[in-house]
């Protein structure tokens, strides 16, 4: 960039002619020198052909993880862990009867721990391995192909450390398995759950994660949008929970006997922890600390707020009082619905999703469950399954630019909604069939349900020999 000001203009004009003639001579000399230098370099390279040093100079430098992105993803991973312990554990635990509080906490914690171990043994390889087809992958069992220098691609030219990516996705597998427990609470054996989880993760979760999120996956290649797990996590867990609940049968005394939550205070605390942790879940799924992560963050605020207030308004319109339980249920409905749309929607599209999902989930929890009589104990299907369906299909709408979405409109609304619907149907069918298979195997090995006496006494004492409260 020239730094000559207006005062130097006259001098430039006076010396221009002399500079031009001198420049011509200099240019000719420089050209000769350049040609000689180029010949010398070529000769030098020819002289060391095949040497490691020569190869290294020609090869492009490997991408290096951005420390800021790595730090953000580590933080997001811990936030998702916070969702499980203590978030989900307290949320579910507070909704159960006091005699089953400790068993609920223990099942959530043990399920997550088991999922983490399975993930590093063969789960990561099955979902995100280097080789694969449309349904699953392979080639990195026990993380044999991963080192501290390995990197994982993001959605730009950036990379993050592969161990960080593995840890982040590990928490997704852990919480998805734990979410199922909301449908089976207060009657399923601890030993049966420990048999069920490894089988279910292997034949249901890992393939669905691959189909939706991995390059070459069936739904990924179809163009399905799932930013943070509407299909992979919520529809998957909700449908699986419903199938397993139906295999178990209803709780003793349900629905004639009242079974109110024993501690809505615990549930409210768990709700707050889930909301906080969900920022890692949603904004972390961008894999970078950038503007899209910021979009996912604000959407996680506003969709959740809309869902919470909508549920309470509907309670009031139905002739009831706006309740703390309704607030907590609406929070989760909003969070679930915005999950697939977190980076695929504008803020007001996210608000719309939160409102619609909360209304639809309320209908399923208050009306449909009663009508059909299934015992979805803590409404894992009614909120996660149904909210996931609303969010997944709705993403095809809110992504469009006419509603403030970040999409370019290249794929029309109807076309994208049909693609989203395909993803929903595939997930429902795969989860239902796989859960039935895993449940039958667990039933043959340990039996699924505790005895009637154990159920009456409570699973805290029957399964663990302890009480939550003394």
Protein backbone atom coordinates (compact mmCIF):
# COMPACT_ATOMS: atom_id res chain seq x y z
CA UNK A 1 0.00 0.00 0.00
CA UNK A 2 1.34 3.44 -1.02
CA UNK A 3 1.96 5.88 1.80
CA UNK A 4 2.57 8.93 -0.50
CA UNK A 5 0.38 11.89 0.45
CA UNK A 6 -0.76 14.89 -1.59
CA UNK A 7 2.42 16.80 -0.71
CA UNK A 8 4.54 14.19 -2.50
CA UNK A 9 2.63 14.32 -5.76
CA UNK A 10 4.89 16.95 -7.41
CA UNK A 11 8.06 15.00 -6.63
CA UNK A 12 6.54 11.86 -8.09
CA UNK A 13 5.73 13.66 -11.35
CA UNK A 14 9.28 15.08 -11.66
CA UNK A 15 10.99 11.79 -11.19
CA UNK A 16 8.54 9.60 -13.11
CA UNK A 17 10.42 9.68 -16.43
CA UNK A 18 13.79 8.82 -14.91
CA UNK A 19 12.18 6.09 -12.80
CA UNK A 20 10.52 4.57 -15.83
CA UNK A 21 13.80 4.23 -17.79
CA UNK A 22 15.62 2.88 -14.77
CA UNK A 23 12.75 0.46 -14.10
CA UNK A 24 12.97 -1.01 -17.56
CA UNK A 25 16.65 -1.85 -17.08
CA UNK A 26 16.02 -3.20 -13.59
CA UNK A 27 13.14 -5.36 -14.79
CA UNK A 28 15.27 -6.99 -17.44
CA UNK A 29 17.97 -7.79 -14.90
CA UNK A 30 15.48 -9.11 -12.41
CA UNK A 31 13.97 -11.43 -14.99
CA UNK A 32 17.35 -12.97 -15.68
CA UNK A 33 18.05 -13.45 -11.98
CA UNK A 34 14.60 -14.99 -11.45
CA UNK A 35 15.12 -17.49 -14.26
CA UNK A 36 18.51 -18.51 -12.87
CA UNK A 37 17.06 -18.87 -9.37
CA UNK A 38 14.21 -21.03 -10.63
CA UNK A 39 16.65 -23.34 -12.43
CA UNK A 40 18.72 -23.63 -9.26
CA UNK A 41 15.67 -24.56 -7.16
CA UNK A 42 14.52 -27.18 -9.67
CA UNK A 43 18.00 -28.69 -9.71
CA UNK A 44 18.08 -28.78 -5.93
CA UNK A 45 14.71 -30.53 -5.74
CA UNK A 46 15.79 -33.04 -8.39
CA UNK A 47 18.88 -33.76 -6.35
CA UNK A 48 16.90 -34.80 -3.30
CA UNK A 49 14.01 -36.57 -5.00
CA UNK A 50 12.44 -39.15 -2.70
CA UNK A 51 13.85 -37.65 0.49
CA UNK A 52 11.41 -37.04 3.40
CA UNK A 53 12.37 -33.37 3.51
CA UNK A 54 11.46 -32.83 -0.13
CA UNK A 55 8.15 -34.65 0.30
CA UNK A 56 7.28 -32.57 3.31
CA UNK A 57 7.86 -29.28 1.48
CA UNK A 58 5.55 -30.30 -1.36
CA UNK A 59 2.77 -31.73 0.87
CA UNK A 60 0.25 -29.26 2.30
CA UNK A 61 0.38 -28.67 6.03
CA UNK A 62 -2.12 -30.71 8.04
CA UNK A 63 -5.02 -28.84 9.62
CA UNK A 64 -4.46 -28.01 13.28
CA UNK A 65 -7.34 -27.85 15.81
CA UNK A 66 -8.36 -24.35 16.80
CA UNK A 67 -7.78 -24.12 20.58
CA UNK A 68 -10.88 -21.94 20.99
CA UNK A 69 -13.11 -24.47 19.25
CA UNK A 70 -11.54 -27.31 21.21
CA UNK A 71 -12.18 -25.47 24.48
CA UNK A 72 -15.79 -24.78 23.52
CA UNK A 73 -16.40 -28.42 22.60
CA UNK A 74 -14.85 -29.63 25.86
CA UNK A 75 -17.18 -27.27 27.70
CA UNK A 76 -20.17 -28.47 25.67
CA UNK A 77 -19.32 -32.08 26.49
CA UNK A 78 -19.33 -31.36 30.21
CA UNK A 79 -22.63 -29.48 29.82
CA UNK A 80 -24.23 -32.56 28.25
CA UNK A 81 -22.88 -34.66 31.12
CA UNK A 82 -24.57 -32.16 33.46
CA UNK A 83 -27.83 -32.93 31.67
CA UNK A 84 -27.50 -36.58 32.69
CA UNK A 85 -26.02 -36.31 36.15
CA UNK A 86 -27.61 -34.72 38.00
CA UNK A 87 -30.10 -33.10 35.56
CA UNK A 88 -32.06 -36.02 34.11
CA UNK A 89 -31.61 -38.10 37.26
CA UNK A 90 -33.24 -35.42 39.44
CA UNK A 91 -35.92 -34.64 36.85
CA UNK A 92 -37.01 -38.28 36.61
CA UNK A 93 -36.38 -39.02 40.28
CA UNK A 94 -38.65 -36.23 41.47
CA UNK A 95 -41.48 -37.51 39.28
CA UNK A 96 -41.45 -41.00 40.79
CA UNK A 97 -42.84 -42.09 44.14
CA UNK A 98 -40.43 -41.75 47.05
CA UNK A 99 -39.92 -45.51 47.32
CA UNK A 100 -38.41 -45.52 43.83
CA UNK A 101 -36.34 -42.33 43.95
CA UNK A 102 -32.97 -43.98 44.55
CA UNK A 103 -33.52 -46.71 41.98
CA UNK A 104 -34.33 -44.07 39.36
CA UNK A 105 -31.17 -42.11 40.13
CA UNK A 106 -29.10 -45.30 40.06
CA UNK A 107 -30.56 -46.55 36.79
CA UNK A 108 -29.86 -43.22 35.07
CA UNK A 109 -26.28 -43.10 36.34
CA UNK A 110 -25.46 -46.75 35.63
CA UNK A 111 -27.04 -46.66 32.18
CA UNK A 112 -24.97 -43.62 31.22
CA UNK A 113 -21.77 -45.16 32.58
CA UNK A 114 -22.35 -48.40 30.67
CA UNK A 115 -23.09 -46.49 27.47
CA UNK A 116 -19.82 -44.57 27.79
CA UNK A 117 -17.77 -47.77 28.01
CA UNK A 118 -19.58 -49.35 25.07
CA UNK A 119 -19.07 -46.18 23.03
CA UNK A 120 -15.28 -46.31 23.23
CA UNK A 121 -15.19 -50.08 22.63
CA UNK A 122 -17.30 -50.35 19.50
CA UNK A 123 -19.94 -47.61 19.50
CA UNK A 124 -17.88 -44.81 17.95
CA UNK A 125 -16.58 -47.16 15.30
CA UNK A 126 -20.11 -48.34 14.45
CA UNK A 127 -21.46 -44.80 14.15
CA UNK A 128 -18.49 -42.83 12.78
CA UNK A 129 -15.87 -45.37 11.66
CA UNK A 130 -13.64 -44.77 8.63
CA UNK A 131 -15.35 -47.46 6.56
CA UNK A 132 -19.07 -48.04 6.22
CA UNK A 133 -22.29 -48.21 4.27
CA UNK A 134 -25.66 -46.49 4.51
CA UNK A 135 -26.53 -48.11 7.85
CA UNK A 136 -23.40 -48.46 9.97
CA UNK A 137 -19.62 -48.14 9.87
CA UNK A 138 -16.54 -49.94 11.13
CA UNK A 139 -12.76 -49.77 11.29
CA UNK A 140 -11.92 -48.09 14.61
CA UNK A 141 -13.01 -50.50 17.34
CA UNK A 142 -11.44 -49.74 20.75
CA UNK A 143 -10.26 -46.46 19.18
CA UNK A 144 -7.22 -48.21 17.72
CA UNK A 145 -7.03 -45.66 14.90
CA UNK A 146 -7.20 -42.58 17.12
CA UNK A 147 -4.31 -40.69 18.70
CA UNK A 148 -3.87 -37.34 20.43
CA UNK A 149 -2.96 -35.89 17.02
CA UNK A 150 -6.10 -37.19 15.27
CA UNK A 151 -8.66 -34.61 14.17
CA UNK A 152 -12.35 -34.59 13.33
CA UNK A 153 -13.86 -32.37 10.66
CA UNK A 154 -16.39 -29.68 11.46
CA UNK A 155 -18.76 -27.99 9.01
CA UNK A 156 -16.11 -25.64 7.64
CA UNK A 157 -12.38 -25.97 6.95
CA UNK A 158 -11.75 -26.11 10.72
CA UNK A 159 -11.02 -29.29 12.69
CA UNK A 160 -11.21 -30.27 16.34
CA UNK A 161 -9.33 -32.96 18.23
CA UNK A 162 -10.89 -36.35 17.56
CA UNK A 163 -10.83 -37.33 21.23
CA UNK A 164 -12.93 -34.25 21.96
CA UNK A 165 -15.43 -35.21 19.24
CA UNK A 166 -15.54 -38.78 20.55
CA UNK A 167 -16.25 -37.54 24.07
CA UNK A 168 -18.96 -35.16 22.88
CA UNK A 169 -20.78 -37.84 20.90
CA UNK A 170 -20.32 -40.28 23.78
CA UNK A 171 -22.50 -38.11 26.01
CA UNK A 172 -25.24 -38.17 23.37
CA UNK A 173 -25.29 -41.96 23.37
CA UNK A 174 -25.35 -41.97 27.17
CA UNK A 175 -28.28 -39.59 27.59
CA UNK A 176 -30.34 -41.23 24.83
CA UNK A 177 -30.17 -44.59 26.57
CA UNK A 178 -31.01 -42.94 29.90
CA UNK A 179 -34.05 -41.13 28.47
CA UNK A 180 -35.76 -44.47 27.85
CA UNK A 181 -35.97 -44.99 31.62
CA UNK A 182 -38.70 -42.37 31.84
CA UNK A 183 -41.12 -44.80 30.20
CA UNK A 184 -40.14 -47.86 32.25
CA UNK A 185 -39.73 -46.29 35.70
CA UNK A 186 -40.84 -48.07 38.89
CA UNK A 187 -41.11 -51.59 37.47
CA UNK A 188 -38.11 -52.67 35.39
CA UNK A 189 -35.30 -54.76 36.87
CA UNK A 190 -31.91 -53.13 37.16
CA UNK A 191 -30.28 -56.29 35.78
CA UNK A 192 -32.64 -56.28 32.78
CA UNK A 193 -31.71 -52.70 31.99
CA UNK A 194 -28.01 -53.59 32.11
CA UNK A 195 -28.63 -56.36 29.57
CA UNK A 196 -30.95 -54.27 27.41
CA UNK A 197 -28.72 -51.18 27.07
CA UNK A 198 -25.70 -52.72 25.27
CA UNK A 199 -27.93 -54.56 22.82
CA UNK A 200 -30.14 -51.53 22.18
CA UNK A 201 -27.19 -49.20 21.64
CA UNK A 202 -25.63 -51.63 19.18
CA UNK A 203 -28.65 -52.40 17.02
CA UNK A 204 -30.64 -49.17 17.39
CA UNK A 205 -28.71 -46.08 18.50
CA UNK A 206 -25.40 -46.53 16.68
CA UNK A 207 -26.98 -47.30 13.28
CA UNK A 208 -29.45 -44.39 13.55
CA UNK A 209 -26.64 -42.00 14.54
CA UNK A 210 -24.69 -43.18 11.49
CA UNK A 211 -27.65 -42.89 9.13
CA UNK A 212 -28.43 -39.32 10.22
CA UNK A 213 -25.04 -37.75 11.00
CA UNK A 214 -22.31 -39.62 9.11
CA UNK A 215 -21.29 -38.92 5.53
CA UNK A 216 -22.69 -41.77 3.45
CA UNK A 217 -25.49 -42.42 5.95
CA UNK A 218 -28.93 -43.18 4.52
CA UNK A 219 -30.71 -40.09 5.86
CA UNK A 220 -27.66 -37.82 5.72
CA UNK A 221 -27.35 -38.41 1.98
CA UNK A 222 -31.11 -37.96 1.57
CA UNK A 223 -30.73 -34.42 2.91
CA UNK A 224 -32.50 -34.85 6.24
CA UNK A 225 -31.81 -31.99 8.68
CA UNK A 226 -31.15 -32.89 12.31
CA UNK A 227 -28.88 -30.34 13.94
CA UNK A 228 -28.58 -31.90 17.40
CA UNK A 229 -30.65 -35.06 17.64
CA UNK A 230 -34.40 -34.75 17.07
CA UNK A 231 -34.44 -38.15 15.38
CA UNK A 232 -31.24 -39.69 16.76
CA UNK A 233 -31.96 -38.85 20.41
CA UNK A 234 -35.57 -37.88 21.08
CA UNK A 235 -37.73 -39.83 18.62
CA UNK A 236 -35.40 -42.76 19.09
CA UNK A 237 -35.60 -42.74 22.91
CA UNK A 238 -39.32 -41.91 23.01
CA UNK A 239 -40.42 -44.68 20.66
CA UNK A 240 -38.04 -47.16 22.29
CA UNK A 241 -39.41 -46.24 25.71
CA UNK A 242 -43.00 -46.76 24.57
CA UNK A 243 -42.24 -50.19 23.09
CA UNK A 244 -40.39 -51.29 26.22
CA UNK A 245 -43.15 -49.93 28.48
CA UNK A 246 -45.74 -51.96 26.58
CA UNK A 247 -43.58 -55.06 26.86
CA UNK A 248 -43.35 -54.50 30.62
CA UNK A 249 -47.02 -53.79 31.17
CA UNK A 250 -48.60 -51.21 33.42
CA UNK A 251 -47.45 -50.44 36.94
CA UNK A 252 -49.43 -52.16 39.65
CA UNK A 253 -52.47 -49.99 40.36
CA UNK A 254 -52.16 -47.81 37.25
CA UNK A 255 -54.29 -45.86 36.35
CA UNK A 256 -56.79 -46.32 39.21
CA UNK A 257 -54.30 -45.57 42.00
CA UNK A 258 -52.97 -41.99 42.23
CA UNK A 259 -49.22 -41.85 41.60
CA UNK A 260 -48.24 -38.18 42.00
CA UNK A 261 -44.61 -37.01 41.85
CA UNK A 262 -43.03 -37.21 45.30
CA UNK A 263 -40.86 -34.09 44.87
CA UNK A 264 -41.64 -31.44 42.31
CA UNK A 265 -38.83 -29.40 43.85
CA UNK A 266 -36.35 -32.05 42.69
CA UNK A 267 -38.01 -32.09 39.28
CA UNK A 268 -37.75 -28.31 39.02
CA UNK A 269 -34.04 -28.43 39.91
CA UNK A 270 -33.52 -31.15 37.32
CA UNK A 271 -35.39 -29.06 34.75
CA UNK A 272 -33.09 -26.10 35.32
CA UNK A 273 -30.00 -28.27 34.99
CA UNK A 274 -31.35 -29.82 31.80
CA UNK A 275 -32.00 -26.39 30.28
CA UNK A 276 -28.51 -25.19 31.14
CA UNK A 277 -26.89 -28.37 29.86
CA UNK A 278 -28.93 -28.23 26.66
CA UNK A 279 -26.86 -25.26 25.46
CA UNK A 280 -23.94 -27.67 25.17
CA UNK A 281 -26.24 -30.15 23.46
CA UNK A 282 -27.55 -27.70 20.85
CA UNK A 283 -24.93 -24.98 20.43
CA UNK A 284 -22.16 -27.57 20.81
CA UNK A 285 -23.50 -29.50 17.82
CA UNK A 286 -22.11 -26.81 15.53
CA UNK A 287 -18.66 -28.15 16.58
CA UNK A 288 -17.29 -24.60 16.45
CA UNK A 289 -17.69 -21.44 18.52
CA UNK A 290 -19.11 -19.38 15.67
CA UNK A 291 -22.23 -17.53 14.58
CA UNK A 292 -24.25 -20.68 13.96
CA UNK A 293 -23.49 -21.80 17.51
CA UNK A 294 -24.80 -18.40 18.62
CA UNK A 295 -27.97 -18.97 16.60
CA UNK A 296 -28.44 -22.38 18.22
CA UNK A 297 -27.93 -20.74 21.60
CA UNK A 298 -30.60 -18.07 21.23
CA UNK A 299 -33.02 -20.61 19.76
CA UNK A 300 -32.49 -22.80 22.81
CA UNK A 301 -33.50 -19.85 24.97
CA UNK A 302 -36.62 -18.71 23.14
CA UNK A 303 -38.13 -22.03 22.03
CA UNK A 304 -37.88 -23.29 25.59
CA UNK A 305 -39.43 -20.16 27.06
CA UNK A 306 -42.30 -20.39 24.57
CA UNK A 307 -42.87 -24.07 25.34
CA UNK A 308 -42.94 -23.50 29.10
CA UNK A 309 -45.49 -20.70 29.01
CA UNK A 310 -47.64 -22.38 26.36
CA UNK A 311 -48.09 -25.49 28.52
CA UNK A 312 -49.20 -23.36 31.50
CA UNK A 313 -51.63 -21.37 29.34
CA UNK A 314 -53.18 -24.57 28.01
CA UNK A 315 -53.58 -25.85 31.58
CA UNK A 316 -55.44 -22.65 32.44
CA UNK A 317 -57.65 -22.86 29.35
CA UNK A 318 -58.46 -26.46 30.25
CA UNK A 319 -59.82 -25.33 33.58
CA UNK A 320 -56.79 -26.13 35.73
CA UNK A 321 -54.20 -23.99 37.44
CA UNK A 322 -50.92 -23.27 35.73
CA UNK A 323 -48.63 -25.73 37.52
CA UNK A 324 -44.95 -26.18 38.26
CA UNK A 325 -45.16 -29.60 36.63
CA UNK A 326 -46.69 -27.98 33.56
CA UNK A 327 -43.87 -25.45 33.45
CA UNK A 328 -41.26 -28.23 33.64
CA UNK A 329 -43.06 -30.29 30.99
CA UNK A 330 -43.27 -27.29 28.66
CA UNK A 331 -39.58 -26.54 29.13
CA UNK A 332 -38.66 -30.05 28.02
CA UNK A 333 -41.14 -29.98 25.12
CA UNK A 334 -39.61 -26.75 23.84
CA UNK A 335 -36.08 -28.05 24.23
CA UNK A 336 -36.88 -31.28 22.44
CA UNK A 337 -38.62 -29.56 19.53
CA UNK A 338 -35.82 -27.05 18.91
CA UNK A 339 -33.08 -29.69 19.03
CA UNK A 340 -33.19 -30.64 15.31
CA UNK A 341 -33.80 -27.01 14.36
CA UNK A 342 -31.30 -25.31 16.68
CA UNK A 343 -29.01 -24.15 13.87
CA UNK A 344 -31.64 -24.59 11.17
CA UNK A 345 -34.13 -21.94 12.27
CA UNK A 346 -34.37 -18.25 12.96
CA UNK A 347 -35.36 -17.20 16.50
CA UNK A 348 -39.02 -16.65 15.68
CA UNK A 349 -39.25 -19.98 13.88
CA UNK A 350 -37.89 -21.51 17.09
CA UNK A 351 -40.59 -19.73 19.12
CA UNK A 352 -43.22 -21.18 16.80
CA UNK A 353 -41.78 -24.66 17.22
CA UNK A 354 -41.83 -24.31 21.00
CA UNK A 355 -45.48 -23.27 21.01
CA UNK A 356 -46.67 -26.00 18.63
CA UNK A 357 -44.64 -28.76 20.29
CA UNK A 358 -45.86 -27.83 23.76
CA UNK A 359 -49.49 -27.92 22.62
CA UNK A 360 -49.14 -31.24 20.82
CA UNK A 361 -47.19 -32.84 23.67
CA UNK A 362 -49.82 -31.67 26.17
CA UNK A 363 -52.51 -33.34 24.08
CA UNK A 364 -50.62 -36.64 24.01
CA UNK A 365 -49.79 -36.58 27.72
CA UNK A 366 -53.23 -35.47 28.94
CA UNK A 367 -55.51 -37.09 26.38
CA UNK A 368 -53.95 -39.73 24.15
CA UNK A 369 -52.20 -41.65 26.95
CA UNK A 370 -55.45 -41.84 28.90
CA UNK A 371 -57.42 -42.82 25.81
CA UNK A 372 -55.16 -45.74 24.87
CA UNK A 373 -54.16 -46.69 28.42
CA UNK A 374 -50.44 -47.26 27.94
CA UNK A 375 -48.24 -46.61 30.98
CA UNK A 376 -45.55 -44.21 29.83
CA UNK A 377 -44.55 -43.57 33.45
CA UNK A 378 -42.81 -40.20 33.18
CA UNK A 379 -43.98 -39.29 29.65
CA UNK A 380 -40.77 -40.09 27.81
CA UNK A 381 -42.79 -40.91 24.69
CA UNK A 382 -45.35 -38.15 25.17
CA UNK A 383 -42.71 -35.41 25.36
CA UNK A 384 -39.49 -36.73 23.83
CA UNK A 385 -41.03 -38.94 21.16
CA UNK A 386 -43.85 -36.61 20.13
CA UNK A 387 -41.84 -33.41 20.63
CA UNK A 388 -39.09 -34.93 18.51
CA UNK A 389 -41.55 -35.67 15.70
CA UNK A 390 -42.92 -32.11 15.78
CA UNK A 391 -39.41 -30.66 15.79
CA UNK A 392 -38.05 -32.92 13.07
CA UNK A 393 -40.90 -32.27 10.64
CA UNK A 394 -41.15 -28.61 11.61
CA UNK A 395 -37.48 -28.10 10.81
CA UNK A 396 -38.37 -28.51 7.15
CA UNK A 397 -40.53 -25.39 7.51
CA UNK A 398 -38.58 -23.12 9.87
CA UNK A 399 -35.36 -23.55 7.89
CA UNK A 400 -36.92 -21.67 4.99
CA UNK A 401 -35.95 -18.01 4.46
CA UNK A 402 -39.58 -16.84 4.27
CA UNK A 403 -39.92 -17.50 8.00
CA UNK A 404 -36.49 -16.13 8.87
CA UNK A 405 -34.62 -19.43 8.59
CA UNK A 406 -30.98 -19.70 7.49
CA UNK A 407 -31.77 -21.89 4.47
CA UNK A 408 -31.31 -20.61 0.93
CA UNK A 409 -34.65 -21.90 -0.32
CA UNK A 410 -33.00 -24.16 -2.89
CA UNK A 411 -34.98 -27.11 -1.52
CA UNK A 412 -38.64 -26.13 -1.35
CA UNK A 413 -40.71 -26.36 1.82
CA UNK A 414 -42.78 -29.36 0.75
CA UNK A 415 -39.74 -31.21 -0.57
CA UNK A 416 -37.80 -30.65 2.67
CA UNK A 417 -40.78 -31.61 4.83
CA UNK A 418 -41.09 -34.88 2.90
CA UNK A 419 -37.40 -35.57 3.45
CA UNK A 420 -37.86 -34.86 7.16
CA UNK A 421 -40.88 -37.15 7.24
CA UNK A 422 -38.81 -39.92 5.70
CA UNK A 423 -36.28 -39.53 8.50
CA UNK A 424 -39.02 -39.67 11.13
CA UNK A 425 -40.57 -42.83 9.68
CA UNK A 426 -37.23 -44.62 9.32
CA UNK A 427 -36.30 -43.74 12.91
CA UNK A 428 -39.66 -44.88 14.33
CA UNK A 429 -39.61 -48.21 12.52
CA UNK A 430 -35.95 -48.93 13.26
CA UNK A 431 -36.29 -48.00 16.93
CA UNK A 432 -39.49 -49.99 17.44
CA UNK A 433 -38.20 -53.19 15.85
CA UNK A 434 -34.75 -52.96 17.43
CA UNK A 435 -36.17 -52.23 20.89
CA UNK A 436 -38.49 -55.22 20.69
CA UNK A 437 -35.56 -57.47 19.80
CA UNK A 438 -33.36 -56.06 22.59
CA UNK A 439 -36.24 -56.31 25.07
CA UNK A 440 -36.95 -59.94 24.20
CA UNK A 441 -33.29 -60.86 24.67
CA UNK A 442 -33.21 -59.12 28.06
CA UNK A 443 -36.42 -60.89 29.04
CA UNK A 444 -34.93 -64.27 28.19
CA UNK A 445 -31.72 -63.55 30.12
CA UNK A 446 -32.97 -61.88 33.31
CA UNK A 447 -36.70 -61.28 33.00
CA UNK A 448 -37.87 -57.70 32.49
CA UNK A 449 -40.06 -56.90 35.46
CA UNK A 450 -39.60 -57.02 39.22
CA UNK A 451 -41.93 -59.17 41.28
CA UNK A 452 -45.22 -57.77 42.56
CA UNK A 453 -43.87 -57.79 46.11
CA UNK A 454 -40.78 -55.83 45.08
CA UNK A 455 -42.92 -53.33 43.20
CA UNK A 456 -45.13 -52.79 46.25
CA UNK A 457 -42.16 -52.38 48.59
CA UNK A 458 -40.36 -50.11 46.16
CA UNK A 459 -37.33 -50.65 43.99
CA UNK A 460 -35.02 -48.72 46.32
CA UNK A 461 -35.10 -51.51 48.89
CA UNK A 462 -35.86 -54.39 46.53
CA UNK A 463 -33.17 -53.67 43.95
CA UNK A 464 -30.49 -51.78 45.89
CA UNK A 465 -31.09 -52.38 49.62
CA UNK A 466 -31.14 -48.65 50.34
CA UNK A 467 -33.62 -45.84 50.78
CA UNK A 468 -33.46 -42.36 49.32
CA UNK A 469 -34.90 -40.93 52.53
CA UNK A 470 -34.46 -42.14 56.13
